[in-house]
Amino acid sequence: MENLPQKVRSKKLSTKVDLTAMVSVSFLLIIFFMVTIELAKPKAIDLTLPEKWNDDGVIRCGMGISDRIITVLLDENNKIILYSGLLGYESESPKEIKYGKNGIRHELFIRNKNIQEYSAKLGKQNRGAIVIIKPSKKCNYKNLVDILDEMAIAKIDTYTIVNDFTPEESKLLAAR
């Protein structure tokens, strides 16, 4: 028989695919999305505001609420001025106080305890102090965070941050 040309068979290549790079890219994507989701979650401090609000945004004080109000004025150089009630009608004169365990924390704790005991005698349970925090333009951010920490430590649930100063409060800060 004659030599017939033989059919040339093509060499079969391996169909094996290396997925190492694909696995590492997918893990990087998973980590990226987990981090971005965690960073996108809102971080905020819970605030409980006074219960008496009107449509115009002004606090309307009913009977006994003005007895629960404590105003904290924050100024430069770690200065804190504290008074109870409404300025001009307060039961005791405003006093300057320091940060710390024996300063503002002790004062807030005692006043809140007295207000809760007084409210309990009137038959209204769980009615503590309403603290109005007023940072001045000269107050630094650290002082504001410190006073919010003091609210949590003294277990004061109802507080708000207001940046409006009455003329009397501005005079009080300027005088001290």
N, C-alpha and C. Protein backbone atom coordinates (compact mmCIF):
# COMPACT_ATOMS: atom_id res chain seq x y z
N MET A 1 0.81 -1.14 0.00
CA MET A 1 0.00 0.00 0.00
C MET A 1 0.88 1.23 0.00
N GLU A 2 0.35 2.12 -0.62
CA GLU A 2 1.08 3.36 -0.70
C GLU A 2 0.96 4.13 0.60
N ASN A 3 1.97 4.96 0.75
CA ASN A 3 1.91 5.82 1.93
C ASN A 3 0.98 6.99 1.67
N LEU A 4 -0.09 6.89 2.26
CA LEU A 4 -1.05 7.99 2.16
C LEU A 4 -0.73 9.01 3.24
N PRO A 5 -0.91 10.25 2.86
CA PRO A 5 -0.63 11.23 3.92
C PRO A 5 -1.57 11.01 5.10
N GLN A 6 -1.00 11.00 6.23
CA GLN A 6 -1.82 10.78 7.42
C GLN A 6 -2.42 12.11 7.87
N LYS A 7 -3.57 11.95 8.39
CA LYS A 7 -4.27 13.11 8.87
C LYS A 7 -3.52 13.67 10.06
N VAL A 8 -3.27 14.97 10.01
CA VAL A 8 -2.57 15.59 11.12
C VAL A 8 -3.59 15.95 12.19
N ARG A 9 -3.34 15.41 13.29
CA ARG A 9 -4.26 15.71 14.39
C ARG A 9 -3.74 16.90 15.14
N SER A 10 -4.68 17.82 15.47
CA SER A 10 -4.26 18.99 16.23
C SER A 10 -4.13 18.60 17.70
N LYS A 11 -3.19 19.24 18.31
CA LYS A 11 -2.93 18.93 19.71
C LYS A 11 -3.99 19.61 20.55
N LYS A 12 -4.61 18.86 21.43
CA LYS A 12 -5.64 19.43 22.29
C LYS A 12 -4.97 20.16 23.44
N LEU A 13 -5.41 21.42 23.63
CA LEU A 13 -4.88 22.22 24.72
C LEU A 13 -5.65 21.94 26.00
N SER A 14 -5.01 22.18 27.08
CA SER A 14 -5.66 21.97 28.37
C SER A 14 -6.76 23.02 28.56
N THR A 15 -7.92 22.60 29.03
CA THR A 15 -9.05 23.51 29.26
C THR A 15 -9.07 24.03 30.69
N LYS A 16 -8.04 23.74 31.39
CA LYS A 16 -7.97 24.16 32.79
C LYS A 16 -7.71 25.67 32.86
N VAL A 17 -8.54 26.39 33.68
CA VAL A 17 -8.40 27.84 33.84
C VAL A 17 -7.94 28.13 35.26
N ASP A 18 -6.96 28.99 35.39
CA ASP A 18 -6.45 29.36 36.71
C ASP A 18 -7.32 30.49 37.26
N LEU A 19 -8.08 30.23 38.32
CA LEU A 19 -9.00 31.20 38.90
C LEU A 19 -8.43 31.93 40.12
N THR A 20 -7.17 31.80 40.35
CA THR A 20 -6.56 32.44 41.52
C THR A 20 -6.75 33.95 41.50
N ALA A 21 -6.50 34.56 40.37
CA ALA A 21 -6.66 36.01 40.26
C ALA A 21 -8.11 36.42 40.45
N MET A 22 -9.04 35.66 39.91
CA MET A 22 -10.46 35.97 40.03
C MET A 22 -10.92 35.88 41.48
N VAL A 23 -10.43 34.90 42.22
CA VAL A 23 -10.79 34.75 43.63
C VAL A 23 -10.27 35.93 44.45
N SER A 24 -9.03 36.32 44.19
CA SER A 24 -8.47 37.44 44.97
C SER A 24 -9.20 38.74 44.65
N VAL A 25 -9.58 38.96 43.40
CA VAL A 25 -10.35 40.17 43.04
C VAL A 25 -11.72 40.15 43.71
N SER A 26 -12.36 38.99 43.73
CA SER A 26 -13.69 38.92 44.35
C SER A 26 -13.60 39.18 45.85
N PHE A 27 -12.57 38.67 46.52
CA PHE A 27 -12.40 38.97 47.95
C PHE A 27 -12.15 40.45 48.19
N LEU A 28 -11.35 41.07 47.35
CA LEU A 28 -11.12 42.51 47.47
C LEU A 28 -12.42 43.30 47.31
N LEU A 29 -13.26 42.90 46.36
CA LEU A 29 -14.54 43.57 46.17
C LEU A 29 -15.46 43.38 47.37
N ILE A 30 -15.49 42.18 47.91
CA ILE A 30 -16.32 41.92 49.10
C ILE A 30 -15.88 42.79 50.27
N ILE A 31 -14.58 42.85 50.50
CA ILE A 31 -14.05 43.68 51.59
C ILE A 31 -14.37 45.14 51.34
N PHE A 32 -14.21 45.61 50.12
CA PHE A 32 -14.50 47.01 49.78
C PHE A 32 -15.95 47.35 50.09
N PHE A 33 -16.89 46.51 49.65
CA PHE A 33 -18.29 46.81 49.88
C PHE A 33 -18.67 46.70 51.36
N MET A 34 -18.06 45.78 52.08
CA MET A 34 -18.34 45.70 53.53
C MET A 34 -17.88 46.96 54.24
N VAL A 35 -16.71 47.47 53.90
CA VAL A 35 -16.18 48.67 54.53
C VAL A 35 -17.03 49.89 54.17
N THR A 36 -17.41 50.02 52.89
CA THR A 36 -18.21 51.18 52.50
C THR A 36 -19.59 51.17 53.12
N ILE A 37 -20.18 50.00 53.29
CA ILE A 37 -21.49 49.91 53.95
C ILE A 37 -21.36 50.32 55.42
N GLU A 38 -20.31 49.88 56.08
CA GLU A 38 -20.11 50.23 57.49
C GLU A 38 -19.87 51.73 57.65
N LEU A 39 -19.10 52.32 56.75
CA LEU A 39 -18.83 53.76 56.84
C LEU A 39 -20.04 54.59 56.46
N ALA A 40 -20.96 54.04 55.69
CA ALA A 40 -22.14 54.79 55.26
C ALA A 40 -23.22 54.84 56.34
N LYS A 41 -23.13 54.01 57.36
CA LYS A 41 -24.13 54.03 58.42
C LYS A 41 -24.05 55.34 59.18
N PRO A 42 -25.19 55.97 59.46
CA PRO A 42 -25.15 57.26 60.17
C PRO A 42 -24.71 57.09 61.62
N LYS A 43 -23.88 57.98 62.06
CA LYS A 43 -23.41 57.98 63.44
C LYS A 43 -23.96 59.24 64.08
N ALA A 44 -24.80 59.10 65.07
CA ALA A 44 -25.43 60.26 65.69
C ALA A 44 -25.64 60.02 67.17
N ILE A 45 -25.81 61.08 67.87
CA ILE A 45 -26.12 61.04 69.29
C ILE A 45 -27.63 61.21 69.44
N ASP A 46 -28.26 60.32 70.19
CA ASP A 46 -29.69 60.44 70.41
C ASP A 46 -29.99 61.61 71.32
N LEU A 47 -30.93 62.42 70.93
CA LEU A 47 -31.37 63.55 71.74
C LEU A 47 -32.84 63.40 72.04
N THR A 48 -33.23 63.63 73.26
CA THR A 48 -34.62 63.66 73.64
C THR A 48 -34.96 65.11 73.94
N LEU A 49 -35.91 65.64 73.22
CA LEU A 49 -36.25 67.04 73.36
C LEU A 49 -37.40 67.24 74.34
N PRO A 50 -37.58 68.45 74.85
CA PRO A 50 -38.70 68.72 75.77
C PRO A 50 -40.03 68.36 75.11
N GLU A 51 -40.99 68.00 75.97
CA GLU A 51 -42.25 67.50 75.44
C GLU A 51 -43.20 68.58 74.97
N LYS A 52 -43.00 69.82 75.31
CA LYS A 52 -43.91 70.90 74.95
C LYS A 52 -43.34 71.73 73.80
N TRP A 53 -43.72 71.39 72.58
CA TRP A 53 -43.28 72.16 71.41
C TRP A 53 -44.51 72.69 70.70
N ASN A 54 -44.39 73.86 70.15
CA ASN A 54 -45.46 74.46 69.38
C ASN A 54 -45.06 74.46 67.91
N ASP A 55 -45.97 74.80 67.01
CA ASP A 55 -45.65 74.80 65.58
C ASP A 55 -44.58 75.82 65.22
N ASP A 56 -44.44 76.88 66.00
CA ASP A 56 -43.45 77.90 65.67
C ASP A 56 -42.06 77.56 66.19
N GLY A 57 -41.89 76.39 66.83
CA GLY A 57 -40.58 75.95 67.29
C GLY A 57 -40.15 76.53 68.62
N VAL A 58 -41.05 77.22 69.30
CA VAL A 58 -40.72 77.83 70.58
C VAL A 58 -41.22 76.92 71.69
N ILE A 59 -40.37 76.75 72.72
CA ILE A 59 -40.79 75.94 73.87
C ILE A 59 -41.80 76.74 74.66
N ARG A 60 -42.98 76.14 74.85
CA ARG A 60 -44.01 76.77 75.67
C ARG A 60 -44.01 76.05 77.01
N CYS A 61 -43.73 76.76 78.06
CA CYS A 61 -43.62 76.14 79.37
C CYS A 61 -44.99 76.06 80.03
N GLY A 62 -45.38 74.85 80.41
CA GLY A 62 -46.60 74.67 81.15
C GLY A 62 -46.30 74.72 82.64
N MET A 63 -47.26 74.37 83.46
CA MET A 63 -47.06 74.41 84.90
C MET A 63 -45.97 73.43 85.31
N GLY A 64 -45.00 73.91 86.03
CA GLY A 64 -43.97 73.07 86.58
C GLY A 64 -42.81 72.78 85.67
N ILE A 65 -42.92 73.08 84.39
CA ILE A 65 -41.81 72.78 83.48
C ILE A 65 -40.66 73.73 83.72
N SER A 66 -40.95 74.99 84.03
CA SER A 66 -39.86 75.94 84.26
C SER A 66 -39.03 75.54 85.48
N ASP A 67 -39.62 74.79 86.41
CA ASP A 67 -38.87 74.29 87.57
C ASP A 67 -37.90 73.18 87.17
N ARG A 68 -38.14 72.55 86.03
CA ARG A 68 -37.29 71.45 85.58
C ARG A 68 -36.16 71.91 84.67
N ILE A 69 -36.19 73.16 84.23
CA ILE A 69 -35.21 73.64 83.26
C ILE A 69 -33.90 74.02 83.94
N ILE A 70 -32.81 73.50 83.39
CA ILE A 70 -31.46 73.88 83.80
C ILE A 70 -30.76 74.36 82.54
N THR A 71 -30.22 75.56 82.57
CA THR A 71 -29.53 76.10 81.40
C THR A 71 -28.03 76.09 81.67
N VAL A 72 -27.28 75.58 80.69
CA VAL A 72 -25.83 75.50 80.77
C VAL A 72 -25.26 76.38 79.65
N LEU A 73 -24.56 77.45 80.03
CA LEU A 73 -23.91 78.33 79.07
C LEU A 73 -22.45 77.94 78.97
N LEU A 74 -21.97 77.70 77.75
CA LEU A 74 -20.57 77.32 77.53
C LEU A 74 -19.85 78.49 76.87
N ASP A 75 -18.69 78.84 77.40
CA ASP A 75 -17.91 79.94 76.85
C ASP A 75 -16.46 79.51 76.70
N GLU A 76 -15.62 80.43 76.26
CA GLU A 76 -14.21 80.10 76.04
C GLU A 76 -13.50 79.80 77.36
N ASN A 77 -12.33 79.21 77.25
CA ASN A 77 -11.49 78.85 78.40
C ASN A 77 -12.20 77.92 79.39
N ASN A 78 -12.96 76.97 78.87
CA ASN A 78 -13.65 75.95 79.68
C ASN A 78 -14.59 76.56 80.71
N LYS A 79 -15.16 77.70 80.42
CA LYS A 79 -16.07 78.36 81.37
C LYS A 79 -17.48 77.83 81.18
N ILE A 80 -18.11 77.45 82.29
CA ILE A 80 -19.49 76.99 82.30
C ILE A 80 -20.25 77.85 83.30
N ILE A 81 -21.40 78.36 82.88
CA ILE A 81 -22.30 79.07 83.79
C ILE A 81 -23.60 78.30 83.80
N LEU A 82 -24.09 78.04 84.99
CA LEU A 82 -25.25 77.18 85.18
C LEU A 82 -26.31 77.94 85.97
N TYR A 83 -27.57 77.85 85.53
CA TYR A 83 -28.67 78.39 86.32
C TYR A 83 -29.92 77.57 86.08
N SER A 84 -30.81 77.59 87.06
CA SER A 84 -32.07 76.84 86.98
C SER A 84 -33.21 77.79 86.67
N GLY A 85 -34.22 77.27 86.01
CA GLY A 85 -35.39 78.08 85.69
C GLY A 85 -35.11 79.01 84.53
N LEU A 86 -35.85 80.11 84.50
CA LEU A 86 -35.69 81.10 83.45
C LEU A 86 -34.88 82.26 83.99
N LEU A 87 -33.97 82.79 83.18
CA LEU A 87 -33.08 83.87 83.61
C LEU A 87 -33.92 85.09 83.97
N GLY A 88 -33.70 85.62 85.14
CA GLY A 88 -34.50 86.73 85.65
C GLY A 88 -35.55 86.23 86.63
N TYR A 89 -35.94 84.95 86.51
CA TYR A 89 -36.92 84.35 87.41
C TYR A 89 -36.34 83.16 88.15
N GLU A 90 -35.01 82.98 88.06
CA GLU A 90 -34.39 81.79 88.66
C GLU A 90 -34.45 81.89 90.18
N SER A 91 -34.47 80.73 90.82
CA SER A 91 -34.56 80.67 92.28
C SER A 91 -33.22 81.00 92.93
N GLU A 92 -32.13 80.72 92.25
CA GLU A 92 -30.81 81.06 92.77
C GLU A 92 -30.01 81.73 91.65
N SER A 93 -29.04 82.50 92.01
CA SER A 93 -28.29 83.24 91.00
C SER A 93 -27.41 82.29 90.19
N PRO A 94 -27.15 82.65 88.92
CA PRO A 94 -26.28 81.80 88.08
C PRO A 94 -24.90 81.67 88.70
N LYS A 95 -24.31 80.48 88.53
CA LYS A 95 -22.98 80.30 89.11
C LYS A 95 -22.04 79.68 88.08
N GLU A 96 -20.79 80.07 88.21
CA GLU A 96 -19.75 79.51 87.34
C GLU A 96 -19.28 78.21 87.96
N ILE A 97 -19.07 77.21 87.11
CA ILE A 97 -18.73 75.88 87.59
C ILE A 97 -17.68 75.28 86.67
N LYS A 98 -16.97 74.28 87.13
CA LYS A 98 -15.89 73.64 86.35
C LYS A 98 -16.37 72.31 85.80
N TYR A 99 -15.62 71.80 84.81
CA TYR A 99 -15.87 70.46 84.30
C TYR A 99 -15.36 69.44 85.31
N GLY A 100 -15.87 68.23 85.20
CA GLY A 100 -15.33 67.14 85.99
C GLY A 100 -16.31 66.54 86.99
N LYS A 101 -15.80 65.57 87.71
CA LYS A 101 -16.61 64.78 88.64
C LYS A 101 -17.18 65.63 89.77
N ASN A 102 -16.39 66.52 90.31
CA ASN A 102 -16.86 67.33 91.44
C ASN A 102 -17.45 68.66 90.99
N GLY A 103 -17.51 68.90 89.68
CA GLY A 103 -18.04 70.16 89.16
C GLY A 103 -19.42 69.97 88.56
N ILE A 104 -19.47 70.07 87.24
CA ILE A 104 -20.74 70.03 86.53
C ILE A 104 -21.46 68.70 86.68
N ARG A 105 -20.72 67.61 86.71
CA ARG A 105 -21.35 66.29 86.83
C ARG A 105 -22.09 66.16 88.15
N HIS A 106 -21.44 66.55 89.24
CA HIS A 106 -22.07 66.48 90.57
C HIS A 106 -23.29 67.39 90.63
N GLU A 107 -23.15 68.59 90.08
CA GLU A 107 -24.26 69.56 90.12
C GLU A 107 -25.46 69.06 89.32
N LEU A 108 -25.21 68.53 88.12
CA LEU A 108 -26.30 68.00 87.31
C LEU A 108 -26.95 66.79 87.96
N PHE A 109 -26.15 65.93 88.54
CA PHE A 109 -26.68 64.74 89.19
C PHE A 109 -27.60 65.11 90.36
N ILE A 110 -27.14 66.04 91.20
CA ILE A 110 -27.94 66.46 92.37
C ILE A 110 -29.22 67.15 91.93
N ARG A 111 -29.12 68.07 90.98
CA ARG A 111 -30.32 68.80 90.54
C ARG A 111 -31.31 67.86 89.86
N ASN A 112 -30.84 66.93 89.05
CA ASN A 112 -31.73 65.98 88.40
C ASN A 112 -32.42 65.09 89.44
N LYS A 113 -31.68 64.65 90.44
CA LYS A 113 -32.25 63.82 91.50
C LYS A 113 -33.32 64.59 92.26
N ASN A 114 -33.07 65.86 92.58
CA ASN A 114 -34.05 66.67 93.29
C ASN A 114 -35.32 66.88 92.46
N ILE A 115 -35.15 67.11 91.18
CA ILE A 115 -36.30 67.31 90.29
C ILE A 115 -37.11 66.02 90.18
N GLN A 116 -36.44 64.87 90.08
CA GLN A 116 -37.16 63.60 90.00
C GLN A 116 -37.93 63.32 91.29
N GLU A 117 -37.33 63.61 92.43
CA GLU A 117 -38.02 63.40 93.70
C GLU A 117 -39.23 64.32 93.82
N TYR A 118 -39.06 65.57 93.40
CA TYR A 118 -40.17 66.53 93.45
C TYR A 118 -41.30 66.09 92.52
N SER A 119 -40.95 65.62 91.31
CA SER A 119 -41.96 65.16 90.36
C SER A 119 -42.68 63.92 90.87
N ALA A 120 -41.94 63.05 91.55
CA ALA A 120 -42.56 61.83 92.10
C ALA A 120 -43.57 62.18 93.17
N LYS A 121 -43.30 63.24 93.97
CA LYS A 121 -44.27 63.69 94.98
C LYS A 121 -45.55 64.21 94.33
N LEU A 122 -45.42 64.77 93.13
CA LEU A 122 -46.58 65.28 92.41
C LEU A 122 -47.30 64.18 91.64
N GLY A 123 -46.75 62.95 91.69
CA GLY A 123 -47.37 61.82 91.01
C GLY A 123 -46.94 61.65 89.56
N LYS A 124 -45.89 62.32 89.16
CA LYS A 124 -45.39 62.21 87.79
C LYS A 124 -44.04 61.52 87.83
N GLN A 125 -44.03 60.24 87.47
CA GLN A 125 -42.79 59.45 87.51
C GLN A 125 -41.92 59.74 86.29
N ASN A 126 -40.64 59.50 86.45
CA ASN A 126 -39.65 59.62 85.37
C ASN A 126 -39.64 60.99 84.71
N ARG A 127 -39.80 62.02 85.49
CA ARG A 127 -39.72 63.39 84.99
C ARG A 127 -38.47 64.03 85.59
N GLY A 128 -37.41 64.03 84.81
CA GLY A 128 -36.15 64.60 85.28
C GLY A 128 -35.95 66.00 84.75
N ALA A 129 -34.72 66.43 84.81
CA ALA A 129 -34.38 67.78 84.39
C ALA A 129 -34.43 67.91 82.87
N ILE A 130 -34.74 69.12 82.42
CA ILE A 130 -34.65 69.49 81.00
C ILE A 130 -33.46 70.44 80.93
N VAL A 131 -32.40 70.01 80.27
CA VAL A 131 -31.18 70.82 80.20
C VAL A 131 -31.09 71.47 78.84
N ILE A 132 -30.89 72.78 78.86
CA ILE A 132 -30.69 73.55 77.63
C ILE A 132 -29.22 73.93 77.59
N ILE A 133 -28.51 73.40 76.60
CA ILE A 133 -27.08 73.66 76.45
C ILE A 133 -26.92 74.77 75.41
N LYS A 134 -26.23 75.84 75.80
CA LYS A 134 -26.04 76.97 74.89
C LYS A 134 -24.55 77.25 74.74
N PRO A 135 -23.94 76.71 73.69
CA PRO A 135 -22.52 77.00 73.45
C PRO A 135 -22.36 78.37 72.77
N SER A 136 -21.43 79.18 73.26
CA SER A 136 -21.18 80.48 72.62
C SER A 136 -20.32 80.27 71.38
N LYS A 137 -20.14 81.32 70.61
CA LYS A 137 -19.30 81.21 69.40
C LYS A 137 -17.84 81.02 69.77
N LYS A 138 -17.47 81.37 70.99
CA LYS A 138 -16.08 81.23 71.43
C LYS A 138 -15.81 79.86 72.06
N CYS A 139 -16.86 79.09 72.31
CA CYS A 139 -16.73 77.76 72.91
C CYS A 139 -16.11 76.81 71.89
N ASN A 140 -15.22 75.93 72.36
CA ASN A 140 -14.64 74.98 71.42
C ASN A 140 -15.46 73.68 71.37
N TYR A 141 -15.20 72.90 70.35
CA TYR A 141 -15.96 71.68 70.09
C TYR A 141 -15.78 70.66 71.22
N LYS A 142 -14.60 70.58 71.78
CA LYS A 142 -14.31 69.64 72.86
C LYS A 142 -15.22 69.88 74.06
N ASN A 143 -15.46 71.16 74.40
CA ASN A 143 -16.33 71.48 75.53
C ASN A 143 -17.76 71.01 75.28
N LEU A 144 -18.22 71.14 74.04
CA LEU A 144 -19.56 70.68 73.71
C LEU A 144 -19.66 69.16 73.83
N VAL A 145 -18.67 68.45 73.34
CA VAL A 145 -18.67 66.98 73.47
C VAL A 145 -18.57 66.58 74.94
N ASP A 146 -17.75 67.29 75.71
CA ASP A 146 -17.62 67.00 77.15
C ASP A 146 -18.94 67.17 77.88
N ILE A 147 -19.69 68.22 77.55
CA ILE A 147 -20.96 68.44 78.25
C ILE A 147 -21.99 67.39 77.84
N LEU A 148 -21.92 66.92 76.59
CA LEU A 148 -22.82 65.83 76.17
C LEU A 148 -22.46 64.53 76.89
N ASP A 149 -21.18 64.30 77.12
CA ASP A 149 -20.77 63.14 77.91
C ASP A 149 -21.28 63.26 79.34
N GLU A 150 -21.23 64.46 79.89
CA GLU A 150 -21.72 64.67 81.26
C GLU A 150 -23.22 64.40 81.35
N MET A 151 -23.97 64.71 80.28
CA MET A 151 -25.42 64.42 80.27
C MET A 151 -25.65 62.91 80.36
N ALA A 152 -24.84 62.16 79.63
CA ALA A 152 -24.99 60.70 79.65
C ALA A 152 -24.59 60.13 81.01
N ILE A 153 -23.50 60.65 81.59
CA ILE A 153 -23.03 60.14 82.88
C ILE A 153 -24.02 60.48 83.99
N ALA A 154 -24.59 61.70 83.95
CA ALA A 154 -25.55 62.12 84.98
C ALA A 154 -26.94 61.55 84.74
N LYS A 155 -27.09 60.78 83.66
CA LYS A 155 -28.35 60.13 83.30
C LYS A 155 -29.48 61.15 83.08
N ILE A 156 -29.16 62.22 82.37
CA ILE A 156 -30.16 63.21 82.00
C ILE A 156 -30.62 62.88 80.59
N ASP A 157 -31.91 62.54 80.46
CA ASP A 157 -32.43 62.07 79.19
C ASP A 157 -32.92 63.20 78.29
N THR A 158 -33.34 64.31 78.86
CA THR A 158 -33.94 65.38 78.08
C THR A 158 -33.02 66.58 78.06
N TYR A 159 -32.41 66.80 76.90
CA TYR A 159 -31.55 67.96 76.74
C TYR A 159 -31.55 68.39 75.28
N THR A 160 -31.20 69.62 75.06
CA THR A 160 -31.14 70.15 73.71
C THR A 160 -29.99 71.13 73.60
N ILE A 161 -29.53 71.34 72.38
CA ILE A 161 -28.46 72.30 72.12
C ILE A 161 -29.08 73.47 71.35
N VAL A 162 -28.94 74.66 71.89
CA VAL A 162 -29.51 75.86 71.30
C VAL A 162 -28.39 76.87 71.15
N ASN A 163 -28.35 77.56 70.02
CA ASN A 163 -27.29 78.55 69.84
C ASN A 163 -27.79 79.98 69.94
N ASP A 164 -29.02 80.17 70.39
CA ASP A 164 -29.57 81.51 70.57
C ASP A 164 -29.35 81.97 72.00
N PHE A 165 -28.70 83.12 72.15
CA PHE A 165 -28.50 83.70 73.46
C PHE A 165 -29.44 84.88 73.62
N THR A 166 -30.08 84.96 74.77
CA THR A 166 -30.88 86.15 75.07
C THR A 166 -29.91 87.28 75.41
N PRO A 167 -30.35 88.51 75.33
CA PRO A 167 -29.46 89.62 75.71
C PRO A 167 -28.96 89.51 77.16
N GLU A 168 -29.81 89.00 78.05
CA GLU A 168 -29.41 88.82 79.45
C GLU A 168 -28.29 87.80 79.57
N GLU A 169 -28.39 86.72 78.79
CA GLU A 169 -27.35 85.69 78.84
C GLU A 169 -26.04 86.20 78.26
N SER A 170 -26.12 87.00 77.20
CA SER A 170 -24.91 87.60 76.63
C SER A 170 -24.23 88.51 77.63
N LYS A 171 -25.02 89.30 78.36
CA LYS A 171 -24.47 90.17 79.41
C LYS A 171 -23.86 89.35 80.52
N LEU A 172 -24.50 88.24 80.87
CA LEU A 172 -23.99 87.38 81.93
C LEU A 172 -22.63 86.80 81.55
N LEU A 173 -22.47 86.35 80.31
CA LEU A 173 -21.19 85.82 79.85
C LEU A 173 -20.12 86.92 79.79
N ALA A 174 -20.51 88.10 79.35
CA ALA A 174 -19.55 89.20 79.24
C ALA A 174 -19.08 89.67 80.62
N ALA A 175 -19.98 89.59 81.60
CA ALA A 175 -19.64 90.07 82.94
C ALA A 175 -18.70 89.12 83.67
N ARG A 176 -18.70 87.87 83.29
CA ARG A 176 -17.88 86.87 84.02
C ARG A 176 -16.62 86.63 83.29
